[in-house]
Amino acid sequence: MPQPDVRSSSADRTMLNLGYLGLLPFAGALVVSWTGLTVFGLAGEQLFITYSAVILSFLSGVLWGSGLDNPPPTSNRYALVLSNVFALLAWGALVKGATPLSLTVSVLTAGYFLVWLTERWIRYRQQKNDQPAGYQTMRDRLTLSVMAFHALLLFAN
């Protein structure tokens, strides 16, 4: 009887833990925004936007890796191009800053939705929807949570 791969389950747990812990800076920046405090001289909105842009860029890198690691149907070329589009979108949000807040937060929210949609499409085409274990469920929950945090920032300001 084959033994379960302990390294894989450990990596899966780490992936899940880090993914969900990544929501904490969003929540913290919201609290800073709502209370009117500053951290390192930055308002909560600026903390939120900069963290959001960094995470959106990180997810763009995941798409880049997916484009490089998979056999060459056209979807991997799309992954490479779109990863750059989404990274530039995140950079644009940083350059734009928090004025107007609604535009910047809306652009970032759209970026998260589009990265999620692109990744789902690529994973579906590659028939990897369930690999690694729990990944797609985690991504669905994280994307929904991050988009909700963005909506809370918009509606609370």
N, C-alpha and C. Protein backbone atom coordinates (compact mmCIF):
# COMPACT_ATOMS: atom_id res chain seq x y z
N MET A 1 0.84 -1.17 0.00
CA MET A 1 0.00 0.00 0.00
C MET A 1 0.89 1.24 0.00
N PRO A 2 0.65 2.19 -0.94
CA PRO A 2 1.51 3.37 -0.99
C PRO A 2 1.30 4.27 0.22
N GLN A 3 2.39 4.82 0.69
CA GLN A 3 2.36 5.73 1.82
C GLN A 3 2.06 7.15 1.34
N PRO A 4 1.28 7.92 2.11
CA PRO A 4 1.05 9.30 1.70
C PRO A 4 2.35 10.10 1.74
N ASP A 5 2.46 11.02 0.83
CA ASP A 5 3.66 11.85 0.76
C ASP A 5 3.57 12.93 1.85
N VAL A 6 4.35 12.75 2.91
CA VAL A 6 4.32 13.67 4.04
C VAL A 6 4.75 15.07 3.61
N ARG A 7 5.74 15.14 2.71
CA ARG A 7 6.19 16.45 2.24
C ARG A 7 5.07 17.20 1.56
N SER A 8 4.28 16.50 0.76
CA SER A 8 3.19 17.13 0.05
C SER A 8 2.13 17.65 1.02
N SER A 9 1.75 16.84 2.00
CA SER A 9 0.72 17.30 2.93
C SER A 9 1.25 18.46 3.78
N SER A 10 2.53 18.44 4.11
CA SER A 10 3.13 19.55 4.85
C SER A 10 3.14 20.81 4.00
N ALA A 11 3.49 20.68 2.73
CA ALA A 11 3.48 21.84 1.83
C ALA A 11 2.06 22.34 1.63
N ASP A 12 1.09 21.43 1.53
CA ASP A 12 -0.30 21.84 1.38
C ASP A 12 -0.77 22.63 2.59
N ARG A 13 -0.43 22.15 3.79
CA ARG A 13 -0.80 22.87 5.02
C ARG A 13 -0.15 24.25 5.06
N THR A 14 1.12 24.30 4.68
CA THR A 14 1.83 25.59 4.66
C THR A 14 1.17 26.53 3.67
N MET A 15 0.81 26.03 2.49
CA MET A 15 0.14 26.84 1.47
C MET A 15 -1.16 27.40 2.04
N LEU A 16 -1.96 26.55 2.66
CA LEU A 16 -3.24 27.00 3.21
C LEU A 16 -3.04 28.01 4.33
N ASN A 17 -2.12 27.72 5.25
CA ASN A 17 -1.86 28.63 6.37
C ASN A 17 -1.39 30.00 5.88
N LEU A 18 -0.42 30.00 4.98
CA LEU A 18 0.09 31.28 4.47
C LEU A 18 -0.97 32.04 3.69
N GLY A 19 -1.76 31.30 2.92
CA GLY A 19 -2.82 31.94 2.16
C GLY A 19 -3.79 32.69 3.05
N TYR A 20 -4.29 32.01 4.07
CA TYR A 20 -5.27 32.64 4.96
C TYR A 20 -4.64 33.71 5.85
N LEU A 21 -3.39 33.49 6.27
CA LEU A 21 -2.71 34.53 7.06
C LEU A 21 -2.50 35.81 6.24
N GLY A 22 -2.44 35.66 4.93
CA GLY A 22 -2.29 36.82 4.06
C GLY A 22 -3.47 37.77 4.09
N LEU A 23 -4.58 37.34 4.69
CA LEU A 23 -5.73 38.23 4.84
C LEU A 23 -5.55 39.22 6.00
N LEU A 24 -4.68 38.88 6.94
CA LEU A 24 -4.52 39.73 8.14
C LEU A 24 -4.08 41.17 7.82
N PRO A 25 -3.11 41.40 6.93
CA PRO A 25 -2.77 42.79 6.63
C PRO A 25 -3.92 43.58 6.01
N PHE A 26 -4.77 42.92 5.22
CA PHE A 26 -5.95 43.61 4.70
C PHE A 26 -6.84 44.06 5.85
N ALA A 27 -7.11 43.13 6.78
CA ALA A 27 -7.96 43.45 7.93
C ALA A 27 -7.32 44.53 8.80
N GLY A 28 -6.02 44.42 9.03
CA GLY A 28 -5.33 45.43 9.83
C GLY A 28 -5.37 46.81 9.20
N ALA A 29 -5.17 46.87 7.90
CA ALA A 29 -5.22 48.17 7.21
C ALA A 29 -6.63 48.75 7.26
N LEU A 30 -7.64 47.89 7.20
CA LEU A 30 -9.02 48.38 7.34
C LEU A 30 -9.25 48.99 8.71
N VAL A 31 -8.76 48.33 9.75
CA VAL A 31 -8.91 48.85 11.12
C VAL A 31 -8.20 50.19 11.24
N VAL A 32 -7.00 50.28 10.70
CA VAL A 32 -6.25 51.55 10.74
C VAL A 32 -7.03 52.63 10.00
N SER A 33 -7.61 52.29 8.87
CA SER A 33 -8.40 53.25 8.10
C SER A 33 -9.63 53.71 8.88
N TRP A 34 -10.35 52.77 9.45
CA TRP A 34 -11.58 53.10 10.17
C TRP A 34 -11.33 53.92 11.43
N THR A 35 -10.18 53.71 12.06
CA THR A 35 -9.88 54.43 13.30
C THR A 35 -9.19 55.77 13.04
N GLY A 36 -8.75 55.99 11.81
CA GLY A 36 -8.07 57.23 11.49
C GLY A 36 -6.64 57.29 11.98
N LEU A 37 -6.10 56.17 12.42
CA LEU A 37 -4.71 56.13 12.88
C LEU A 37 -3.77 56.08 11.69
N THR A 38 -2.48 56.15 11.98
CA THR A 38 -1.46 55.96 10.95
C THR A 38 -0.45 54.93 11.45
N VAL A 39 0.20 54.28 10.50
CA VAL A 39 1.28 53.34 10.81
C VAL A 39 2.46 53.74 9.93
N PHE A 40 3.58 54.02 10.55
CA PHE A 40 4.76 54.50 9.83
C PHE A 40 4.42 55.75 9.03
N GLY A 41 3.53 56.57 9.56
CA GLY A 41 3.12 57.80 8.89
C GLY A 41 2.17 57.59 7.72
N LEU A 42 1.68 56.38 7.53
CA LEU A 42 0.78 56.09 6.41
C LEU A 42 -0.63 55.86 6.92
N ALA A 43 -1.59 56.41 6.20
CA ALA A 43 -3.00 56.19 6.51
C ALA A 43 -3.37 54.75 6.16
N GLY A 44 -4.44 54.29 6.74
CA GLY A 44 -4.91 52.93 6.49
C GLY A 44 -5.19 52.66 5.02
N GLU A 45 -5.71 53.65 4.32
CA GLU A 45 -6.01 53.48 2.90
C GLU A 45 -4.73 53.21 2.10
N GLN A 46 -3.67 53.96 2.43
CA GLN A 46 -2.41 53.76 1.72
C GLN A 46 -1.78 52.41 2.05
N LEU A 47 -1.86 52.01 3.31
CA LEU A 47 -1.38 50.69 3.70
C LEU A 47 -2.14 49.60 2.93
N PHE A 48 -3.44 49.77 2.85
CA PHE A 48 -4.29 48.79 2.17
C PHE A 48 -3.92 48.71 0.69
N ILE A 49 -3.82 49.84 0.04
CA ILE A 49 -3.54 49.88 -1.40
C ILE A 49 -2.16 49.29 -1.71
N THR A 50 -1.17 49.64 -0.91
CA THR A 50 0.18 49.12 -1.20
C THR A 50 0.23 47.61 -0.98
N TYR A 51 -0.39 47.13 0.09
CA TYR A 51 -0.40 45.68 0.32
C TYR A 51 -1.18 44.98 -0.79
N SER A 52 -2.30 45.54 -1.16
CA SER A 52 -3.11 44.96 -2.22
C SER A 52 -2.33 44.86 -3.53
N ALA A 53 -1.61 45.91 -3.87
CA ALA A 53 -0.82 45.90 -5.11
C ALA A 53 0.28 44.85 -5.05
N VAL A 54 0.90 44.69 -3.90
CA VAL A 54 1.95 43.67 -3.75
C VAL A 54 1.36 42.27 -3.93
N ILE A 55 0.23 42.01 -3.31
CA ILE A 55 -0.38 40.68 -3.42
C ILE A 55 -0.89 40.43 -4.84
N LEU A 56 -1.45 41.44 -5.48
CA LEU A 56 -1.88 41.28 -6.87
C LEU A 56 -0.68 40.98 -7.77
N SER A 57 0.44 41.61 -7.51
CA SER A 57 1.67 41.32 -8.27
C SER A 57 2.14 39.90 -8.00
N PHE A 58 2.05 39.47 -6.75
CA PHE A 58 2.42 38.09 -6.40
C PHE A 58 1.56 37.09 -7.17
N LEU A 59 0.26 37.33 -7.22
CA LEU A 59 -0.63 36.44 -7.96
C LEU A 59 -0.32 36.47 -9.45
N SER A 60 0.11 37.61 -9.95
CA SER A 60 0.54 37.69 -11.35
C SER A 60 1.74 36.79 -11.58
N GLY A 61 2.62 36.73 -10.60
CA GLY A 61 3.78 35.83 -10.70
C GLY A 61 3.37 34.37 -10.71
N VAL A 62 2.30 34.05 -10.00
CA VAL A 62 1.78 32.68 -10.03
C VAL A 62 1.33 32.34 -11.45
N LEU A 63 0.66 33.28 -12.11
CA LEU A 63 0.25 33.06 -13.50
C LEU A 63 1.47 32.89 -14.41
N TRP A 64 2.49 33.70 -14.18
CA TRP A 64 3.73 33.60 -14.97
C TRP A 64 4.31 32.20 -14.82
N GLY A 65 4.39 31.72 -13.58
CA GLY A 65 4.92 30.38 -13.34
C GLY A 65 4.07 29.31 -14.00
N SER A 66 2.77 29.49 -13.98
CA SER A 66 1.88 28.54 -14.63
C SER A 66 2.12 28.52 -16.13
N GLY A 67 2.36 29.67 -16.70
CA GLY A 67 2.63 29.75 -18.13
C GLY A 67 3.94 29.08 -18.51
N LEU A 68 4.92 29.12 -17.62
CA LEU A 68 6.23 28.52 -17.90
C LEU A 68 6.25 27.02 -17.64
N ASP A 69 5.49 26.57 -16.66
CA ASP A 69 5.58 25.19 -16.20
C ASP A 69 4.70 24.20 -16.95
N ASN A 70 3.89 24.66 -17.85
CA ASN A 70 2.94 23.76 -18.49
C ASN A 70 3.23 23.62 -19.97
N PRO A 71 2.75 22.52 -20.56
CA PRO A 71 2.99 22.30 -21.98
C PRO A 71 2.42 23.44 -22.82
N PRO A 72 2.92 23.60 -24.02
CA PRO A 72 2.63 24.82 -24.77
C PRO A 72 1.32 24.88 -25.58
N PRO A 73 0.15 24.66 -24.95
CA PRO A 73 -1.03 25.11 -25.68
C PRO A 73 -1.08 26.63 -25.59
N THR A 74 -1.98 27.24 -26.27
CA THR A 74 -2.02 28.70 -26.27
C THR A 74 -2.29 29.27 -24.89
N SER A 75 -2.89 28.50 -23.99
CA SER A 75 -3.21 29.06 -22.67
C SER A 75 -1.97 29.49 -21.91
N ASN A 76 -0.81 28.83 -22.14
CA ASN A 76 0.38 29.26 -21.41
C ASN A 76 0.88 30.60 -21.92
N ARG A 77 0.71 30.88 -23.21
CA ARG A 77 1.09 32.19 -23.74
C ARG A 77 0.19 33.27 -23.15
N TYR A 78 -1.10 32.98 -23.04
CA TYR A 78 -2.03 33.93 -22.42
C TYR A 78 -1.66 34.18 -20.97
N ALA A 79 -1.27 33.13 -20.26
CA ALA A 79 -0.88 33.29 -18.86
C ALA A 79 0.31 34.23 -18.74
N LEU A 80 1.30 34.08 -19.60
CA LEU A 80 2.48 34.95 -19.56
C LEU A 80 2.11 36.40 -19.84
N VAL A 81 1.31 36.63 -20.87
CA VAL A 81 0.92 38.00 -21.23
C VAL A 81 0.05 38.61 -20.13
N LEU A 82 -0.95 37.85 -19.68
CA LEU A 82 -1.86 38.39 -18.66
C LEU A 82 -1.16 38.63 -17.34
N SER A 83 -0.16 37.81 -17.01
CA SER A 83 0.56 38.04 -15.77
C SER A 83 1.22 39.42 -15.80
N ASN A 84 1.70 39.82 -16.93
CA ASN A 84 2.31 41.15 -17.07
C ASN A 84 1.26 42.25 -17.03
N VAL A 85 0.13 42.01 -17.64
CA VAL A 85 -0.96 43.00 -17.62
C VAL A 85 -1.40 43.25 -16.17
N PHE A 86 -1.58 42.16 -15.41
CA PHE A 86 -2.04 42.31 -14.02
C PHE A 86 -0.98 42.96 -13.14
N ALA A 87 0.29 42.64 -13.37
CA ALA A 87 1.36 43.28 -12.60
C ALA A 87 1.41 44.78 -12.91
N LEU A 88 1.23 45.14 -14.17
CA LEU A 88 1.20 46.57 -14.53
C LEU A 88 -0.02 47.27 -13.93
N LEU A 89 -1.11 46.56 -13.84
CA LEU A 89 -2.32 47.10 -13.21
C LEU A 89 -2.03 47.42 -11.73
N ALA A 90 -1.37 46.50 -11.06
CA ALA A 90 -1.01 46.71 -9.66
C ALA A 90 -0.05 47.88 -9.52
N TRP A 91 0.92 47.95 -10.40
CA TRP A 91 1.88 49.06 -10.36
C TRP A 91 1.16 50.39 -10.60
N GLY A 92 0.25 50.39 -11.55
CA GLY A 92 -0.53 51.61 -11.82
C GLY A 92 -1.31 52.06 -10.60
N ALA A 93 -1.84 51.11 -9.84
CA ALA A 93 -2.57 51.46 -8.62
C ALA A 93 -1.63 52.09 -7.61
N LEU A 94 -0.40 51.61 -7.52
CA LEU A 94 0.58 52.21 -6.61
C LEU A 94 0.95 53.62 -7.04
N VAL A 95 1.17 53.78 -8.33
CA VAL A 95 1.53 55.10 -8.85
C VAL A 95 0.39 56.08 -8.65
N LYS A 96 -0.82 55.61 -8.88
CA LYS A 96 -2.00 56.46 -8.74
C LYS A 96 -2.22 56.87 -7.29
N GLY A 97 -1.95 55.95 -6.38
CA GLY A 97 -2.16 56.25 -4.97
C GLY A 97 -3.63 56.19 -4.61
N ALA A 98 -4.00 56.84 -3.54
CA ALA A 98 -5.35 56.72 -3.00
C ALA A 98 -6.29 57.84 -3.46
N THR A 99 -5.93 58.57 -4.51
CA THR A 99 -6.83 59.63 -4.95
C THR A 99 -7.21 59.44 -6.41
N PRO A 100 -8.45 59.31 -6.76
CA PRO A 100 -9.53 59.03 -5.82
C PRO A 100 -9.49 57.59 -5.36
N LEU A 101 -9.83 57.39 -4.12
CA LEU A 101 -9.79 56.06 -3.51
C LEU A 101 -10.67 55.08 -4.27
N SER A 102 -11.84 55.53 -4.68
CA SER A 102 -12.79 54.61 -5.34
C SER A 102 -12.20 54.04 -6.63
N LEU A 103 -11.50 54.86 -7.40
CA LEU A 103 -10.91 54.38 -8.65
C LEU A 103 -9.80 53.36 -8.37
N THR A 104 -8.90 53.69 -7.48
CA THR A 104 -7.78 52.81 -7.17
C THR A 104 -8.26 51.47 -6.63
N VAL A 105 -9.18 51.51 -5.68
CA VAL A 105 -9.68 50.27 -5.07
C VAL A 105 -10.49 49.47 -6.10
N SER A 106 -11.23 50.13 -6.95
CA SER A 106 -11.98 49.42 -7.99
C SER A 106 -11.06 48.73 -8.99
N VAL A 107 -9.98 49.40 -9.36
CA VAL A 107 -9.01 48.80 -10.29
C VAL A 107 -8.36 47.57 -9.65
N LEU A 108 -7.97 47.69 -8.39
CA LEU A 108 -7.37 46.54 -7.71
C LEU A 108 -8.37 45.39 -7.57
N THR A 109 -9.61 45.71 -7.22
CA THR A 109 -10.64 44.67 -7.10
C THR A 109 -10.83 43.96 -8.42
N ALA A 110 -10.91 44.72 -9.50
CA ALA A 110 -11.06 44.11 -10.83
C ALA A 110 -9.85 43.23 -11.14
N GLY A 111 -8.66 43.66 -10.75
CA GLY A 111 -7.46 42.86 -10.96
C GLY A 111 -7.54 41.52 -10.27
N TYR A 112 -8.00 41.51 -9.02
CA TYR A 112 -8.14 40.24 -8.30
C TYR A 112 -9.15 39.32 -8.98
N PHE A 113 -10.26 39.88 -9.39
CA PHE A 113 -11.28 39.06 -10.06
C PHE A 113 -10.73 38.49 -11.37
N LEU A 114 -10.03 39.32 -12.14
CA LEU A 114 -9.51 38.87 -13.43
C LEU A 114 -8.39 37.85 -13.28
N VAL A 115 -7.54 38.00 -12.28
CA VAL A 115 -6.50 36.99 -12.03
C VAL A 115 -7.16 35.67 -11.65
N TRP A 116 -8.15 35.74 -10.76
CA TRP A 116 -8.86 34.53 -10.34
C TRP A 116 -9.52 33.85 -11.53
N LEU A 117 -10.20 34.63 -12.35
CA LEU A 117 -10.88 34.09 -13.53
C LEU A 117 -9.88 33.46 -14.50
N THR A 118 -8.77 34.14 -14.74
CA THR A 118 -7.74 33.63 -15.64
C THR A 118 -7.15 32.34 -15.10
N GLU A 119 -6.84 32.32 -13.82
CA GLU A 119 -6.26 31.12 -13.23
C GLU A 119 -7.23 29.94 -13.30
N ARG A 120 -8.49 30.19 -13.01
CA ARG A 120 -9.50 29.12 -13.11
C ARG A 120 -9.57 28.58 -14.54
N TRP A 121 -9.55 29.47 -15.51
CA TRP A 121 -9.63 29.07 -16.91
C TRP A 121 -8.42 28.21 -17.29
N ILE A 122 -7.24 28.65 -16.88
CA ILE A 122 -6.01 27.90 -17.21
C ILE A 122 -6.01 26.55 -16.51
N ARG A 123 -6.36 26.53 -15.23
CA ARG A 123 -6.38 25.26 -14.49
C ARG A 123 -7.42 24.31 -15.07
N TYR A 124 -8.55 24.83 -15.50
CA TYR A 124 -9.58 24.00 -16.12
C TYR A 124 -9.06 23.39 -17.41
N ARG A 125 -8.41 24.20 -18.23
CA ARG A 125 -7.87 23.70 -19.51
C ARG A 125 -6.78 22.65 -19.28
N GLN A 126 -6.06 22.78 -18.19
CA GLN A 126 -4.98 21.84 -17.91
C GLN A 126 -5.44 20.68 -17.03
N GLN A 127 -6.72 20.68 -16.70
CA GLN A 127 -7.34 19.64 -15.87
C GLN A 127 -6.60 19.47 -14.54
N LYS A 128 -6.29 20.61 -13.92
CA LYS A 128 -5.58 20.60 -12.63
C LYS A 128 -6.43 21.29 -11.55
N ASN A 129 -7.73 21.26 -11.68
CA ASN A 129 -8.59 22.00 -10.76
C ASN A 129 -8.42 21.58 -9.30
N ASP A 130 -8.01 20.35 -9.05
CA ASP A 130 -7.93 19.87 -7.68
C ASP A 130 -6.50 19.71 -7.18
N GLN A 131 -5.52 20.22 -7.93
CA GLN A 131 -4.13 20.03 -7.54
C GLN A 131 -3.44 21.37 -7.33
N PRO A 132 -2.66 21.56 -6.29
CA PRO A 132 -2.54 20.69 -5.13
C PRO A 132 -3.85 20.65 -4.34
N ALA A 133 -3.97 19.68 -3.47
CA ALA A 133 -5.20 19.47 -2.73
C ALA A 133 -5.60 20.73 -1.97
N GLY A 134 -6.82 21.15 -2.18
CA GLY A 134 -7.35 22.31 -1.47
C GLY A 134 -7.02 23.65 -2.10
N TYR A 135 -6.20 23.66 -3.14
CA TYR A 135 -5.76 24.93 -3.71
C TYR A 135 -6.92 25.75 -4.26
N GLN A 136 -7.75 25.15 -5.09
CA GLN A 136 -8.80 25.93 -5.75
C GLN A 136 -9.82 26.45 -4.74
N THR A 137 -10.16 25.63 -3.76
CA THR A 137 -11.08 26.09 -2.72
C THR A 137 -10.48 27.26 -1.97
N MET A 138 -9.19 27.15 -1.63
CA MET A 138 -8.51 28.24 -0.94
C MET A 138 -8.53 29.51 -1.80
N ARG A 139 -8.19 29.38 -3.08
CA ARG A 139 -8.15 30.55 -3.97
C ARG A 139 -9.53 31.19 -4.10
N ASP A 140 -10.56 30.37 -4.20
CA ASP A 140 -11.92 30.90 -4.29
C ASP A 140 -12.26 31.70 -3.04
N ARG A 141 -11.98 31.13 -1.88
CA ARG A 141 -12.29 31.80 -0.61
C ARG A 141 -11.46 33.07 -0.42
N LEU A 142 -10.17 32.97 -0.74
CA LEU A 142 -9.31 34.15 -0.57
C LEU A 142 -9.71 35.27 -1.51
N THR A 143 -10.01 34.94 -2.76
CA THR A 143 -10.40 35.99 -3.71
C THR A 143 -11.68 36.66 -3.26
N LEU A 144 -12.66 35.87 -2.85
CA LEU A 144 -13.91 36.45 -2.36
C LEU A 144 -13.68 37.32 -1.14
N SER A 145 -12.83 36.85 -0.22
CA SER A 145 -12.53 37.63 0.99
C SER A 145 -11.82 38.93 0.65
N VAL A 146 -10.83 38.87 -0.22
CA VAL A 146 -10.07 40.07 -0.59
C VAL A 146 -10.99 41.08 -1.29
N MET A 147 -11.85 40.59 -2.17
CA MET A 147 -12.78 41.49 -2.84
C MET A 147 -13.75 42.11 -1.82
N ALA A 148 -14.16 41.34 -0.83
CA ALA A 148 -15.04 41.88 0.22
C ALA A 148 -14.30 42.94 1.04
N PHE A 149 -13.02 42.70 1.36
CA PHE A 149 -12.24 43.71 2.07
C PHE A 149 -12.15 45.00 1.26
N HIS A 150 -11.96 44.88 -0.05
CA HIS A 150 -11.91 46.06 -0.89
C HIS A 150 -13.24 46.81 -0.87
N ALA A 151 -14.34 46.07 -0.91
CA ALA A 151 -15.66 46.70 -0.85
C ALA A 151 -15.86 47.40 0.50
N LEU A 152 -15.41 46.76 1.58
CA LEU A 152 -15.53 47.39 2.90
C LEU A 152 -14.74 48.69 2.97
N LEU A 153 -13.57 48.70 2.39
CA LEU A 153 -12.76 49.92 2.38
C LEU A 153 -13.49 51.03 1.63
N LEU A 154 -14.08 50.69 0.49
CA LEU A 154 -14.81 51.68 -0.29
C LEU A 154 -16.02 52.23 0.45
N PHE A 155 -16.80 51.32 1.00
CA PHE A 155 -18.06 51.74 1.61
C PHE A 155 -17.89 52.39 2.97
N ALA A 156 -16.77 52.14 3.62
CA ALA A 156 -16.52 52.73 4.93
C ALA A 156 -15.89 54.10 4.86
N ASN A 157 -15.46 54.50 3.66
CA ASN A 157 -14.80 55.81 3.52
C ASN A 157 -15.67 56.78 2.75
